[in-house]
Protein backbone atom coordinates (compact mmCIF):
# COMPACT_ATOMS: atom_id res chain seq x y z
CA UNK A 1 -41.76 20.48 21.23
CA UNK A 2 -44.50 20.43 19.59
CA UNK A 3 -46.39 19.19 15.99
CA UNK A 4 -46.39 22.64 14.94
CA UNK A 5 -42.81 24.08 15.87
CA UNK A 6 -41.57 20.73 14.61
CA UNK A 7 -42.97 21.82 11.14
CA UNK A 8 -41.72 25.23 11.04
CA UNK A 9 -38.37 24.27 12.56
CA UNK A 10 -38.57 21.82 9.94
CA UNK A 11 -39.44 24.42 7.33
CA UNK A 12 -37.05 26.88 7.62
CA UNK A 13 -34.45 24.37 7.45
CA UNK A 14 -35.35 22.78 4.22
CA UNK A 15 -35.34 26.75 2.93
CA UNK A 16 -32.50 27.24 4.22
CA UNK A 17 -30.21 23.92 2.81
CA UNK A 18 -31.98 23.83 -0.37
CA UNK A 19 -31.42 28.02 -0.50
CA UNK A 20 -27.64 27.04 0.00
CA UNK A 21 -27.31 24.27 -2.50
CA UNK A 22 -28.98 26.43 -4.93
CA UNK A 23 -26.59 29.63 -5.14
CA UNK A 24 -23.60 26.71 -4.87
CA UNK A 25 -24.95 25.25 -7.95
CA UNK A 26 -26.12 28.42 -9.95
CA UNK A 27 -24.13 28.78 -13.12
CA UNK A 28 -24.23 32.47 -13.41
CA UNK A 29 -22.48 35.87 -12.10
CA UNK A 30 -22.52 37.40 -8.93
CA UNK A 31 -25.01 40.19 -9.72
CA UNK A 32 -27.40 37.50 -10.95
CA UNK A 33 -27.04 35.28 -7.56
CA UNK A 34 -27.06 38.80 -5.46
CA UNK A 35 -30.87 39.37 -6.84
CA UNK A 36 -31.08 35.70 -7.03
CA UNK A 37 -30.69 35.82 -2.93
CA UNK A 38 -33.07 38.83 -2.78
CA UNK A 39 -35.42 37.68 -4.65
CA UNK A 40 -35.17 34.42 -2.39
CA UNK A 41 -34.50 36.21 0.87
CA UNK A 42 -37.88 38.75 0.10
CA UNK A 43 -39.64 35.71 -0.86
CA UNK A 44 -38.79 34.43 3.45
CA UNK A 45 -39.19 36.96 4.81
CA UNK A 46 -43.35 36.98 3.49
CA UNK A 47 -43.12 33.11 4.13
CA UNK A 48 -42.35 33.53 7.82
CA UNK A 49 -44.68 35.43 8.18
CA UNK A 50 -47.52 33.67 6.86
CA UNK A 51 -46.51 31.26 9.32
CA UNK A 52 -46.45 33.96 12.14
CA UNK A 53 -50.08 34.97 11.57
CA UNK A 54 -51.22 31.03 11.29
CA UNK A 55 -49.00 30.39 14.25
CA UNK A 56 -50.98 32.80 16.51
CA UNK A 57 -54.44 32.34 15.16
CA UNK A 58 -53.85 28.47 16.31
CA UNK A 59 -53.01 30.02 19.55
CA UNK A 60 -55.78 32.30 19.07
CA UNK A 61 -57.76 29.10 18.95
CA UNK A 62 -56.56 27.15 21.40
CA UNK A 63 -56.55 29.85 24.01
CA UNK A 64 -61.02 30.50 23.10
CA UNK A 65 -61.14 26.85 23.29
CA UNK A 66 -59.86 26.17 25.80
CA UNK A 67 -62.63 28.64 27.64
CA UNK A 68 -65.11 28.11 26.31
CA UNK A 69 -64.44 24.48 27.68
CA UNK A 70 -63.35 26.19 31.08
CA UNK A 71 -67.04 27.65 31.21
CA UNK A 72 -69.23 24.59 31.04
CA UNK A 73 -67.16 23.20 33.40
CA UNK A 74 -67.97 25.59 35.32
CA UNK A 75 -71.32 25.52 34.86
CA UNK A 76 -71.83 22.41 34.67
CA UNK A 77 -70.65 22.48 38.17
CA UNK A 78 -72.64 25.30 39.58
């Protein structure tokens, strides 16, 4: 796997473990816990969207760099 994929998977796993531990150890009522879960899920969705955008940007940059390198290589061979 690539380094960015490993980082993404590690981040998601860390969030899941932390979230689960927090819920199991929470000294609060069920409604408060449900509200907290709802907020945490919203935060997680936002973070995943950010990661998705960053990953897409990195892929786009890599594609552009590869295209530029190929173009330069073709120009030097001409």
